[in-house]
Amino acid sequence: MHILYLMLGLAVGGAAGAALALWHRRRSDGTLRDGARSEAERIVAEARAEADRRKRESLNEGKEEVLRLRHEAEQEIRERRNELQRAERRLEQKEENLDRKTEKVSRREEELKNRHDEIETRLSEVESLRLEQVARLEEIAAMTGEEAKQLLLSEVEEEANHRIGLRLKELEEKAKREAQRKAREIVVTAIQRTAVEHTSEVAVSVVHLPSDEMKGRIIGREGRNIRAFETLTGVDLIVDDTPEAVTISSFDPVRREVARLSLERLIVDGRIHPARIEELIEKASKDVDEMILEAGEEALLETGTKNMHPELMKLIGQLRFRSSYGQNALAHSLEVSHLSGIMAAELGVDEALARRAGLLHDIGKAVDHQVEGPHAIIGADLAKRYNEPQDVIRAIASHHEDEEPQTVYDVLVAAADAISASRPGARRESLETYIKRLEKLESLATSFQGVSKAFAIQAGREIRVMVSPNVPDAGGIQKVAYDVARKIEEEMKYPGQIRVTVIRETRAVEYAK
């Protein structure tokens, strides 16, 4: 602003100087007139007035600008002063914090130094005590520290070896116990699997279906059809994912055959419901009885045996559905009959009598699941009851050395039986044991009062016990199940566990006339 004022002053001064120079020049020349002089004076006065006015305006503006700038400068100074004050306060706070931390660190260092000095003092004391004790121990033990160390190590090593030996012995005994237990489990599992493999051909029947839709009809609403079928036949009906086929499982071939015929007829008939199932099962049972009778007649014709009681002939037919060590009992009896006849003919004795004795030698197997005792003694009792010759009775009773042989026929039948059984692949012992176990399982269940029927299913893992309606209530049924289970545990040996299911059924039948 001062420069602006200076420039304005110079401009005004310049104009005034020019005017004065012009006036002087005119005056010096003597050619100036009064008007020109007056005009010049007027112009000079106006110029001076304008210069003064502009000077005042410039001065006012300069003052205002100076005041504004001064105000802004003062405002900025105040803000910077406040900022500096805040910064100073922060610095003071930081310095105070640093001072406090420095003081704490100093105190901590002092404490650590004191503790370090104390620990050093104690360590020196401990070391001196240790050296003193070592010296005293060496003096007392009359040995150096190295010798004591070796002695201690030897004792520790001896104790460790002793403990290791005990531990090894304990582990060895435990391993033996575990090995024996595991071996028993493996053997039992192998026996059970082998039994299943051996019995699959003689304990399972497959019934083919026209379509898979028939499986749902066989099962029935909420399973009522399949339950009725299994209850009436005593078999296990397996409906699985096998396409167009169901499986009938039972160790008793007669039951399995009855179930197979009944199911095939139900499929052909198409009317599958509990009443129809019961009707066809009764009819199938009669048909199977006729098949048994026909099998007995064919056996008599094949061996040339005559004049035999019908009940014995029926028992011979039942052997068709029995097996011994995996060998069909009827086929085995026919084979023994033929062998006995051949050997009798070679020896010159009664061939027909030998054939008769050979055919009847295993007749006890037809009922040994119902009567206790060796099948040879049971068969001899049956032959005696139906008036068979005495030589036949003795041959039956002695063919397993349950009685002493007395006649040539006794020896012939025993030899023929051994020949038939000893040929390669004739018998499998596991199957006989398996079937005996299932038969005993059923006989144990039927020995209880109130039990009408008992069926072993699921390869002997379950037994279904049918009780008569006069068993009082649910508590009575539970008591029967408990008693059967306990008796099975006491009198039988079996792998795994056996499920006991007790069923009571009440029927009311009326006829509308």
Protein backbone atom coordinates (compact mmCIF):
# COMPACT_ATOMS: atom_id res chain seq x y z
CA MET A 1 0.00 0.00 0.00
CA HIS A 2 2.86 2.44 0.70
CA ILE A 3 4.14 1.79 -2.77
CA LEU A 4 0.68 2.57 -4.14
CA TYR A 5 0.56 5.80 -2.25
CA LEU A 6 4.05 6.67 -3.47
CA MET A 7 3.12 6.07 -7.07
CA LEU A 8 -0.01 8.20 -6.77
CA GLY A 9 2.05 11.00 -5.22
CA LEU A 10 4.61 10.77 -7.99
CA ALA A 11 1.85 10.93 -10.63
CA VAL A 12 0.30 13.98 -9.03
CA GLY A 13 3.70 15.62 -8.57
CA GLY A 14 4.61 14.90 -12.19
CA ALA A 15 1.40 16.49 -13.43
CA ALA A 16 1.94 19.55 -11.25
CA GLY A 17 5.55 19.84 -12.39
CA ALA A 18 4.50 19.65 -16.03
CA ALA A 19 1.89 22.33 -15.51
CA LEU A 20 4.38 24.59 -13.73
CA ALA A 21 6.98 24.04 -16.41
CA LEU A 22 4.48 24.96 -19.07
CA TRP A 23 3.51 28.07 -17.12
CA HIS A 24 7.06 29.14 -16.64
CA ARG A 25 7.82 28.55 -20.24
CA ARG A 26 4.92 30.66 -21.33
CA ARG A 27 5.79 33.26 -18.81
CA SER A 28 9.41 33.21 -19.89
CA ASP A 29 8.46 33.59 -23.45
CA GLY A 30 6.14 36.47 -22.60
CA THR A 31 3.40 35.07 -24.79
CA LEU A 32 1.17 33.82 -22.00
CA ARG A 33 -2.10 35.51 -21.66
CA ASP A 34 -4.15 35.94 -18.48
CA GLY A 35 -6.73 33.27 -19.44
CA ALA A 36 -4.12 30.72 -19.99
CA ARG A 37 -2.57 31.58 -16.69
CA SER A 38 -5.87 31.32 -14.95
CA GLU A 39 -6.61 28.02 -16.69
CA ALA A 40 -3.28 26.70 -15.66
CA GLU A 41 -3.88 27.76 -12.12
CA ARG A 42 -7.29 26.13 -12.21
CA ILE A 43 -5.88 22.93 -13.65
CA VAL A 44 -3.16 22.90 -11.02
CA ALA A 45 -5.72 23.45 -8.28
CA GLU A 46 -7.95 20.69 -9.63
CA ALA A 47 -4.96 18.39 -9.96
CA ARG A 48 -3.95 19.12 -6.44
CA ALA A 49 -7.51 18.59 -5.19
CA GLU A 50 -7.79 15.29 -7.12
CA ALA A 51 -4.44 14.23 -5.81
CA ASP A 52 -5.47 15.03 -2.28
CA ARG A 53 -8.78 13.21 -2.71
CA ARG A 54 -7.13 10.13 -4.20
CA LYS A 55 -4.49 10.33 -1.56
CA ARG A 56 -7.14 10.31 1.16
CA GLU A 57 -9.01 7.44 -0.51
CA SER A 58 -5.79 5.51 -0.90
CA LEU A 59 -4.91 6.21 2.68
CA ASN A 60 -8.35 5.03 3.85
CA GLU A 61 -8.19 1.91 1.76
CA GLY A 62 -4.67 1.27 2.96
CA LYS A 63 -5.76 1.69 6.53
CA GLU A 64 -8.69 -0.70 6.05
CA GLU A 65 -6.46 -3.25 4.37
CA VAL A 66 -3.88 -2.85 7.09
CA LEU A 67 -6.57 -3.36 9.74
CA ARG A 68 -7.90 -6.46 7.96
CA LEU A 69 -4.46 -7.93 7.53
CA ARG A 70 -3.62 -7.12 11.10
CA HIS A 71 -6.84 -8.83 12.26
CA GLU A 72 -6.11 -11.96 10.16
CA ALA A 73 -2.54 -12.01 11.39
CA GLU A 74 -3.66 -11.71 14.95
CA GLN A 75 -6.25 -14.54 14.44
CA GLU A 76 -3.61 -16.77 12.90
CA ILE A 77 -1.21 -15.90 15.69
CA ARG A 78 -3.81 -16.80 18.29
CA GLU A 79 -4.55 -20.17 16.59
CA ARG A 80 -0.87 -20.98 16.33
CA ARG A 81 -0.39 -19.97 19.92
CA ASN A 82 -3.26 -22.30 20.97
CA GLU A 83 -1.82 -25.13 18.89
CA LEU A 84 1.57 -24.54 20.44
CA GLN A 85 0.02 -24.57 23.87
CA ARG A 86 -1.72 -27.88 23.16
CA ALA A 87 1.48 -29.35 21.77
CA GLU A 88 3.32 -28.15 24.83
CA ARG A 89 0.74 -29.79 27.10
CA ARG A 90 1.02 -33.07 25.18
CA LEU A 91 4.75 -32.93 25.39
CA GLU A 92 4.55 -32.21 29.06
CA GLN A 93 2.20 -35.21 29.55
CA LYS A 94 4.52 -37.45 27.55
CA GLU A 95 7.45 -36.23 29.53
CA GLU A 96 5.56 -36.96 32.74
CA ASN A 97 4.66 -40.47 31.52
CA LEU A 98 8.23 -41.09 30.46
CA ASP A 99 9.43 -39.87 33.79
CA ARG A 100 7.05 -42.20 35.60
CA LYS A 101 8.01 -45.16 33.40
CA THR A 102 11.65 -44.35 33.80
CA GLU A 103 11.15 -44.24 37.52
CA LYS A 104 9.34 -47.62 37.47
CA VAL A 105 12.06 -49.14 35.32
CA SER A 106 14.68 -47.79 37.65
CA ARG A 107 12.91 -49.26 40.65
CA ARG A 108 12.46 -52.61 38.78
CA GLU A 109 16.13 -52.65 37.85
CA GLU A 110 17.01 -51.94 41.43
CA GLU A 111 14.77 -54.78 42.65
CA LEU A 112 16.15 -57.20 40.05
CA LYS A 113 19.67 -56.22 40.99
CA ASN A 114 18.90 -56.84 44.65
CA ARG A 115 17.29 -60.21 43.87
CA HIS A 116 20.18 -61.17 41.63
CA ASP A 117 22.63 -60.33 44.39
CA GLU A 118 20.50 -62.32 46.85
CA ILE A 119 20.34 -65.32 44.50
CA GLU A 120 24.05 -65.17 43.90
CA THR A 121 24.59 -65.13 47.64
CA ARG A 122 22.29 -68.11 48.15
CA LEU A 123 23.88 -70.03 45.28
CA SER A 124 27.26 -69.49 46.79
CA GLU A 125 25.92 -70.69 50.13
CA VAL A 126 24.29 -73.76 48.53
CA GLU A 127 27.45 -74.60 46.63
CA SER A 128 29.50 -74.31 49.78
CA LEU A 129 27.00 -76.52 51.64
CA ARG A 130 27.01 -79.05 48.79
CA LEU A 131 30.79 -79.20 48.79
CA GLU A 132 30.75 -79.56 52.55
CA GLN A 133 28.13 -82.39 52.39
CA VAL A 134 30.01 -84.14 49.58
CA ALA A 135 33.17 -83.97 51.63
CA ARG A 136 31.35 -85.35 54.67
CA LEU A 137 29.69 -88.10 52.58
CA GLU A 138 33.03 -89.07 51.06
CA GLU A 139 34.54 -89.11 54.55
CA ILE A 140 31.66 -91.25 55.92
CA ALA A 141 31.42 -93.60 52.91
CA ALA A 142 35.15 -93.83 52.47
CA MET A 143 34.70 -93.37 48.68
CA THR A 144 34.87 -90.56 46.21
CA GLY A 145 31.90 -88.95 44.50
CA GLU A 146 32.64 -90.74 41.24
CA GLU A 147 32.69 -94.09 43.03
CA ALA A 148 29.37 -93.27 44.76
CA LYS A 149 27.88 -92.28 41.42
CA GLN A 150 28.90 -95.57 39.83
CA LEU A 151 27.48 -97.50 42.79
CA LEU A 152 24.19 -95.62 42.57
CA LEU A 153 23.96 -96.16 38.82
CA SER A 154 24.56 -99.88 39.21
CA GLU A 155 21.86 -100.15 41.86
CA VAL A 156 19.42 -98.16 39.73
CA GLU A 157 20.25 -100.29 36.71
CA GLU A 158 19.66 -103.49 38.69
CA GLU A 159 16.33 -102.19 40.00
CA ALA A 160 15.30 -101.09 36.50
CA ASN A 161 16.19 -104.50 35.05
CA HIS A 162 14.13 -106.17 37.77
CA ARG A 163 11.13 -103.96 37.04
CA ILE A 164 11.51 -104.46 33.31
CA GLY A 165 11.57 -108.23 33.83
CA LEU A 166 8.39 -108.09 35.90
CA ARG A 167 6.72 -105.89 33.33
CA LEU A 168 7.77 -108.15 30.49
CA LYS A 169 6.42 -111.17 32.34
CA GLU A 170 3.15 -109.38 33.01
CA LEU A 171 2.86 -108.32 29.36
CA GLU A 172 3.70 -111.83 28.21
CA GLU A 173 0.99 -113.34 30.42
CA LYS A 174 -1.49 -110.73 29.25
CA ALA A 175 -0.57 -111.43 25.63
CA LYS A 176 -1.12 -115.15 26.20
CA ARG A 177 -4.52 -114.49 27.76
CA GLU A 178 -5.49 -112.17 24.93
CA ALA A 179 -4.18 -114.64 22.37
CA GLN A 180 -6.18 -117.49 23.88
CA ARG A 181 -9.34 -115.36 23.99
CA LYS A 182 -8.80 -114.14 20.46
CA ALA A 183 -8.09 -117.64 19.25
CA ARG A 184 -11.32 -118.89 20.79
CA GLU A 185 -13.24 -116.08 19.11
CA ILE A 186 -11.63 -116.86 15.77
CA VAL A 187 -12.36 -120.56 16.09
CA VAL A 188 -15.97 -119.98 17.12
CA THR A 189 -16.47 -117.52 14.26
CA ALA A 190 -14.91 -119.93 11.79
CA ILE A 191 -17.12 -122.76 13.02
CA GLN A 192 -20.23 -120.62 12.75
CA ARG A 193 -19.33 -119.44 9.25
CA THR A 194 -18.48 -122.92 8.14
CA ALA A 195 -21.78 -124.18 9.50
CA VAL A 196 -23.64 -121.54 7.52
CA GLU A 197 -21.75 -122.46 4.36
CA HIS A 198 -22.41 -126.15 4.84
CA THR A 199 -26.07 -125.74 5.65
CA SER A 200 -26.90 -123.25 2.90
CA GLU A 201 -27.79 -126.05 0.48
CA VAL A 202 -29.92 -128.01 2.94
CA ALA A 203 -31.32 -125.20 5.08
CA VAL A 204 -32.43 -122.67 2.46
CA SER A 205 -35.02 -122.78 -0.32
CA VAL A 206 -35.52 -120.08 -2.94
CA VAL A 207 -38.99 -119.34 -4.31
CA HIS A 208 -39.14 -117.39 -7.57
CA LEU A 209 -41.71 -114.64 -7.99
CA PRO A 210 -43.44 -113.42 -11.17
CA SER A 211 -42.49 -109.82 -10.27
CA ASP A 212 -41.07 -107.75 -7.44
CA GLU A 213 -44.54 -106.34 -6.73
CA MET A 214 -45.42 -109.72 -5.23
CA LYS A 215 -42.98 -109.05 -2.35
CA GLY A 216 -45.20 -106.30 -1.00
CA ARG A 217 -48.26 -108.58 -1.12
CA ILE A 218 -46.33 -111.34 0.68
CA ILE A 219 -45.36 -108.93 3.45
CA GLY A 220 -48.89 -107.53 3.72
CA ARG A 221 -50.17 -104.47 5.48
CA GLU A 222 -47.88 -103.73 8.42
CA GLY A 223 -46.30 -107.17 7.91
CA ARG A 224 -49.36 -109.20 8.93
CA ASN A 225 -49.06 -111.72 6.08
CA ILE A 226 -45.40 -112.54 6.61
CA ARG A 227 -45.91 -112.77 10.38
CA ALA A 228 -48.80 -115.20 9.94
CA PHE A 229 -46.75 -117.25 7.47
CA GLU A 230 -43.69 -117.51 9.74
CA THR A 231 -45.80 -118.24 12.81
CA LEU A 232 -47.73 -121.09 11.16
CA THR A 233 -44.77 -122.70 9.38
CA GLY A 234 -41.95 -122.06 11.86
CA VAL A 235 -39.57 -120.87 9.14
CA ASP A 236 -37.80 -117.60 8.47
CA LEU A 237 -39.06 -115.90 5.30
CA ILE A 238 -36.38 -113.55 3.97
CA VAL A 239 -37.57 -110.80 1.62
CA ASP A 240 -34.50 -108.86 0.48
CA ASP A 241 -33.23 -107.04 -2.62
CA THR A 242 -32.83 -110.24 -4.64
CA PRO A 243 -34.85 -109.61 -7.82
CA GLU A 244 -38.00 -111.71 -8.21
CA ALA A 245 -37.12 -114.16 -5.43
CA VAL A 246 -37.61 -114.73 -1.71
CA THR A 247 -35.72 -117.14 0.55
CA ILE A 248 -37.13 -119.65 3.03
CA SER A 249 -34.71 -120.59 5.80
CA SER A 250 -35.14 -123.41 8.34
CA PHE A 251 -33.00 -126.25 9.64
CA ASP A 252 -36.03 -128.57 9.51
CA PRO A 253 -36.48 -129.72 5.88
CA VAL A 254 -40.11 -130.76 6.47
CA ARG A 255 -41.07 -127.29 7.65
CA ARG A 256 -39.11 -125.75 4.80
CA GLU A 257 -40.84 -127.95 2.23
CA VAL A 258 -44.28 -127.16 3.67
CA ALA A 259 -43.45 -123.45 3.57
CA ARG A 260 -42.14 -123.67 0.00
CA LEU A 261 -45.24 -125.44 -1.32
CA SER A 262 -47.54 -123.07 0.56
CA LEU A 263 -45.79 -119.98 -0.75
CA GLU A 264 -45.74 -121.21 -4.34
CA ARG A 265 -49.46 -121.92 -4.17
CA LEU A 266 -50.18 -118.54 -2.59
CA ILE A 267 -48.31 -116.83 -5.43
CA VAL A 268 -50.28 -118.76 -8.04
CA ASP A 269 -53.57 -118.20 -6.20
CA GLY A 270 -52.97 -114.49 -5.66
CA ARG A 271 -55.21 -114.25 -2.58
CA ILE A 272 -52.65 -113.60 0.12
CA HIS A 273 -54.12 -112.95 3.57
CA PRO A 274 -53.79 -114.70 6.96
CA ALA A 275 -56.87 -116.94 6.56
CA ARG A 276 -55.82 -118.10 3.09
CA ILE A 277 -52.24 -118.61 4.30
CA GLU A 278 -53.44 -120.90 7.10
CA GLU A 279 -55.62 -122.86 4.69
CA LEU A 280 -52.86 -123.47 2.16
CA ILE A 281 -50.33 -124.36 4.86
CA GLU A 282 -52.67 -127.08 6.17
CA LYS A 283 -53.09 -128.40 2.64
CA ALA A 284 -49.33 -128.30 2.02
CA SER A 285 -48.72 -130.21 5.27
CA LYS A 286 -51.02 -132.98 4.03
CA ASP A 287 -49.25 -133.02 0.67
CA VAL A 288 -45.87 -133.30 2.35
CA ASP A 289 -47.16 -136.20 4.43
CA GLU A 290 -48.16 -137.91 1.19
CA MET A 291 -44.70 -137.21 -0.24
CA ILE A 292 -43.15 -138.79 2.85
CA LEU A 293 -45.34 -141.87 2.46
CA GLU A 294 -44.46 -142.14 -1.22
CA ALA A 295 -40.74 -141.83 -0.41
CA GLY A 296 -41.08 -144.70 2.08
CA GLU A 297 -42.86 -146.88 -0.45
CA GLU A 298 -40.22 -146.17 -3.10
CA ALA A 299 -37.45 -147.08 -0.62
CA LEU A 300 -39.13 -150.40 0.13
CA LEU A 301 -39.51 -151.13 -3.58
CA GLU A 302 -35.89 -150.21 -4.28
CA THR A 303 -34.52 -152.52 -1.57
CA GLY A 304 -37.06 -155.27 -2.14
CA THR A 305 -38.31 -155.09 1.46
CA LYS A 306 -41.81 -156.45 2.16
CA ASN A 307 -44.36 -156.65 4.97
CA MET A 308 -43.35 -153.53 6.90
CA HIS A 309 -45.62 -151.63 9.29
CA PRO A 310 -47.05 -148.43 7.68
CA GLU A 311 -45.69 -146.27 10.54
CA LEU A 312 -42.18 -147.56 9.97
CA MET A 313 -42.59 -146.97 6.25
CA LYS A 314 -43.67 -143.41 7.01
CA LEU A 315 -40.62 -142.90 9.25
CA ILE A 316 -38.39 -144.13 6.41
CA GLY A 317 -39.99 -141.52 4.16
CA GLN A 318 -39.27 -138.83 6.74
CA LEU A 319 -35.56 -139.63 6.40
CA ARG A 320 -35.78 -137.97 3.00
CA PHE A 321 -35.99 -134.66 4.82
CA ARG A 322 -33.26 -135.45 7.36
CA SER A 323 -29.51 -135.17 7.01
CA SER A 324 -26.59 -136.59 8.95
CA TYR A 325 -23.28 -134.69 8.79
CA GLY A 326 -24.44 -133.15 5.53
CA GLN A 327 -25.48 -136.54 4.06
CA ASN A 328 -29.12 -137.22 3.23
CA ALA A 329 -30.40 -139.80 5.72
CA LEU A 330 -32.65 -141.68 3.27
CA ALA A 331 -29.93 -141.88 0.59
CA HIS A 332 -27.51 -143.08 3.25
CA SER A 333 -29.96 -145.74 4.48
CA LEU A 334 -30.52 -147.01 0.91
CA GLU A 335 -26.76 -147.13 0.37
CA VAL A 336 -26.23 -149.10 3.61
CA SER A 337 -29.08 -151.45 2.65
CA HIS A 338 -27.48 -152.21 -0.71
CA LEU A 339 -24.01 -152.66 0.79
CA SER A 340 -25.36 -154.94 3.50
CA GLY A 341 -27.21 -157.07 0.92
CA ILE A 342 -24.12 -157.34 -1.28
CA MET A 343 -21.88 -158.44 1.61
CA ALA A 344 -24.55 -160.85 2.91
CA ALA A 345 -24.81 -162.45 -0.53
CA GLU A 346 -21.02 -162.89 -0.64
CA LEU A 347 -21.09 -164.54 2.83
CA GLY A 348 -24.07 -166.75 1.99
CA VAL A 349 -26.45 -165.37 4.67
CA ASP A 350 -29.99 -163.97 4.32
CA GLU A 351 -29.63 -161.08 1.86
CA ALA A 352 -33.19 -159.77 2.33
CA LEU A 353 -32.78 -159.64 6.13
CA ALA A 354 -29.49 -157.77 5.75
CA ARG A 355 -31.09 -155.27 3.37
CA ARG A 356 -33.98 -154.78 5.78
CA ALA A 357 -31.64 -154.16 8.71
CA GLY A 358 -29.53 -151.75 6.62
CA LEU A 359 -32.61 -149.79 5.52
CA LEU A 360 -33.87 -149.43 9.12
CA HIS A 361 -30.52 -148.90 10.88
CA ASP A 362 -30.95 -145.06 11.10
CA ILE A 363 -34.74 -145.04 11.57
CA GLY A 364 -34.22 -143.42 14.98
CA LYS A 365 -32.97 -140.25 13.25
CA ALA A 366 -36.50 -139.61 12.03
CA VAL A 367 -37.62 -138.90 15.63
CA ASP A 368 -34.38 -138.26 17.57
CA HIS A 369 -35.19 -134.53 17.68
CA GLN A 370 -38.35 -135.44 19.59
CA VAL A 371 -37.03 -138.28 21.80
CA GLU A 372 -33.96 -138.13 24.03
CA GLY A 373 -31.24 -140.75 23.58
CA PRO A 374 -28.92 -142.21 20.91
CA HIS A 375 -30.62 -142.71 17.58
CA ALA A 376 -29.51 -146.35 17.50
CA ILE A 377 -31.36 -147.18 20.74
CA ILE A 378 -34.37 -145.10 19.63
CA GLY A 379 -34.45 -146.96 16.31
CA ALA A 380 -34.22 -150.36 18.04
CA ASP A 381 -37.16 -149.45 20.28
CA LEU A 382 -39.22 -148.41 17.25
CA ALA A 383 -38.40 -151.63 15.40
CA LYS A 384 -39.33 -153.65 18.48
CA ARG A 385 -42.61 -151.73 18.84
CA TYR A 386 -43.59 -152.55 15.24
CA ASN A 387 -42.66 -156.25 15.47
CA GLU A 388 -39.50 -156.33 13.37
CA PRO A 389 -37.32 -159.49 13.48
CA GLN A 390 -34.94 -159.80 16.44
CA ASP A 391 -31.88 -159.82 14.17
CA VAL A 392 -32.97 -156.48 12.67
CA ILE A 393 -33.52 -154.98 16.15
CA ARG A 394 -30.06 -156.08 17.34
CA ALA A 395 -28.39 -154.83 14.14
CA ILE A 396 -30.01 -151.40 14.60
CA ALA A 397 -29.04 -151.18 18.29
CA SER A 398 -25.40 -152.23 17.76
CA HIS A 399 -24.39 -150.44 14.57
CA HIS A 400 -22.77 -147.66 16.64
CA GLU A 401 -21.53 -150.04 19.38
CA ASP A 402 -24.19 -148.89 21.83
CA GLU A 403 -24.64 -152.63 22.34
CA GLU A 404 -22.28 -155.55 21.72
CA PRO A 405 -22.63 -157.21 18.27
CA GLN A 406 -24.08 -160.72 18.52
CA THR A 407 -24.90 -161.79 14.98
CA VAL A 408 -23.35 -161.51 11.56
CA TYR A 409 -26.01 -159.00 10.59
CA ASP A 410 -24.85 -156.67 13.37
CA VAL A 411 -21.35 -156.65 11.90
CA LEU A 412 -22.56 -156.33 8.32
CA VAL A 413 -24.75 -153.29 9.04
CA ALA A 414 -22.01 -151.58 11.08
CA ALA A 415 -19.47 -152.19 8.29
CA ALA A 416 -21.85 -150.94 5.58
CA ASP A 417 -22.62 -147.85 7.65
CA ALA A 418 -18.91 -147.10 8.06
CA ILE A 419 -18.29 -147.60 4.31
CA SER A 420 -21.13 -145.26 3.34
CA ALA A 421 -20.06 -142.59 5.79
CA SER A 422 -16.32 -142.77 5.08
CA ARG A 423 -16.35 -142.18 1.35
CA PRO A 424 -14.85 -138.78 0.39
CA GLY A 425 -17.30 -135.89 0.68
CA ALA A 426 -20.07 -138.00 2.20
CA ARG A 427 -20.37 -136.16 5.51
CA ARG A 428 -19.71 -132.82 7.13
CA GLU A 429 -19.61 -132.98 10.87
CA SER A 430 -20.38 -129.29 11.43
CA LEU A 431 -23.84 -129.60 9.86
CA GLU A 432 -24.85 -132.42 12.20
CA THR A 433 -23.70 -130.42 15.23
CA TYR A 434 -25.53 -127.38 13.93
CA ILE A 435 -28.84 -129.22 13.45
CA LYS A 436 -28.53 -130.97 16.81
CA ARG A 437 -28.10 -127.60 18.47
CA LEU A 438 -31.22 -126.21 16.81
CA GLU A 439 -33.24 -129.30 17.70
CA LYS A 440 -32.13 -129.10 21.31
CA LEU A 441 -33.00 -125.40 21.32
CA GLU A 442 -36.58 -126.20 20.30
CA SER A 443 -36.88 -129.11 22.73
CA LEU A 444 -35.75 -126.91 25.63
CA ALA A 445 -38.39 -124.34 24.80
CA THR A 446 -41.22 -126.86 24.44
CA SER A 447 -40.38 -128.41 27.82
CA PHE A 448 -42.02 -125.47 29.64
CA GLN A 449 -45.64 -125.60 30.69
CA GLY A 450 -47.95 -123.58 28.49
CA VAL A 451 -45.66 -123.72 25.42
CA SER A 452 -47.41 -125.24 22.41
CA LYS A 453 -44.78 -124.80 19.70
CA ALA A 454 -41.22 -123.53 19.33
CA PHE A 455 -39.42 -122.62 16.13
CA ALA A 456 -35.67 -121.96 15.84
CA ILE A 457 -34.97 -119.46 13.08
CA GLN A 458 -32.18 -117.16 11.88
CA ALA A 459 -29.61 -120.01 11.96
CA GLY A 460 -30.31 -120.55 15.65
CA ARG A 461 -29.88 -116.91 16.65
CA GLU A 462 -33.59 -116.60 17.49
CA ILE A 463 -36.29 -118.90 18.82
CA ARG A 464 -39.99 -118.09 18.61
CA VAL A 465 -42.05 -119.68 21.35
CA MET A 466 -45.82 -120.02 20.85
CA VAL A 467 -47.72 -120.18 24.15
CA SER A 468 -51.34 -121.20 24.66
CA PRO A 469 -53.93 -118.47 25.33
CA ASN A 470 -54.37 -119.59 28.96
CA VAL A 471 -51.03 -117.97 29.91
CA PRO A 472 -52.41 -115.16 32.11
CA ASP A 473 -50.98 -111.81 31.02
CA ALA A 474 -47.94 -109.93 29.75
CA GLY A 475 -46.14 -110.72 32.99
CA GLY A 476 -46.66 -114.44 32.42
CA ILE A 477 -45.31 -114.16 28.88
CA GLN A 478 -42.26 -112.29 30.13
CA LYS A 479 -41.69 -114.98 32.77
CA VAL A 480 -41.76 -117.70 30.09
CA ALA A 481 -39.25 -115.75 27.98
CA TYR A 482 -36.97 -115.27 30.99
CA ASP A 483 -37.14 -118.96 32.02
CA VAL A 484 -36.45 -120.17 28.48
CA ALA A 485 -33.47 -117.83 28.11
CA ARG A 486 -31.98 -118.90 31.45
CA LYS A 487 -32.39 -122.61 30.65
CA ILE A 488 -30.72 -122.11 27.27
CA GLU A 489 -27.78 -120.41 29.00
CA GLU A 490 -27.44 -123.26 31.50
CA GLU A 491 -27.78 -126.26 29.20
CA MET A 492 -26.41 -125.18 25.83
CA LYS A 493 -23.19 -123.89 24.33
CA TYR A 494 -23.54 -121.54 21.37
CA PRO A 495 -21.71 -118.63 19.74
CA GLY A 496 -23.06 -115.11 20.17
CA GLN A 497 -26.52 -114.72 21.66
CA ILE A 498 -29.99 -116.19 21.13
CA ARG A 499 -33.09 -114.01 21.04
CA VAL A 500 -36.16 -115.53 22.71
CA THR A 501 -39.50 -114.23 21.38
CA VAL A 502 -42.69 -115.42 23.10
CA ILE A 503 -45.97 -115.03 21.20
CA ARG A 504 -49.50 -115.53 22.51
CA GLU A 505 -52.37 -115.56 20.04
CA THR A 506 -56.08 -115.64 20.78
CA ARG A 507 -58.56 -116.56 18.05
CA ALA A 508 -62.32 -116.48 17.97
CA VAL A 509 -64.09 -118.31 15.11
CA GLU A 510 -67.80 -118.21 14.35
CA TYR A 511 -69.80 -119.33 11.34
CA ALA A 512 -72.70 -117.43 9.82
CA LYS A 513 -75.40 -119.85 8.70
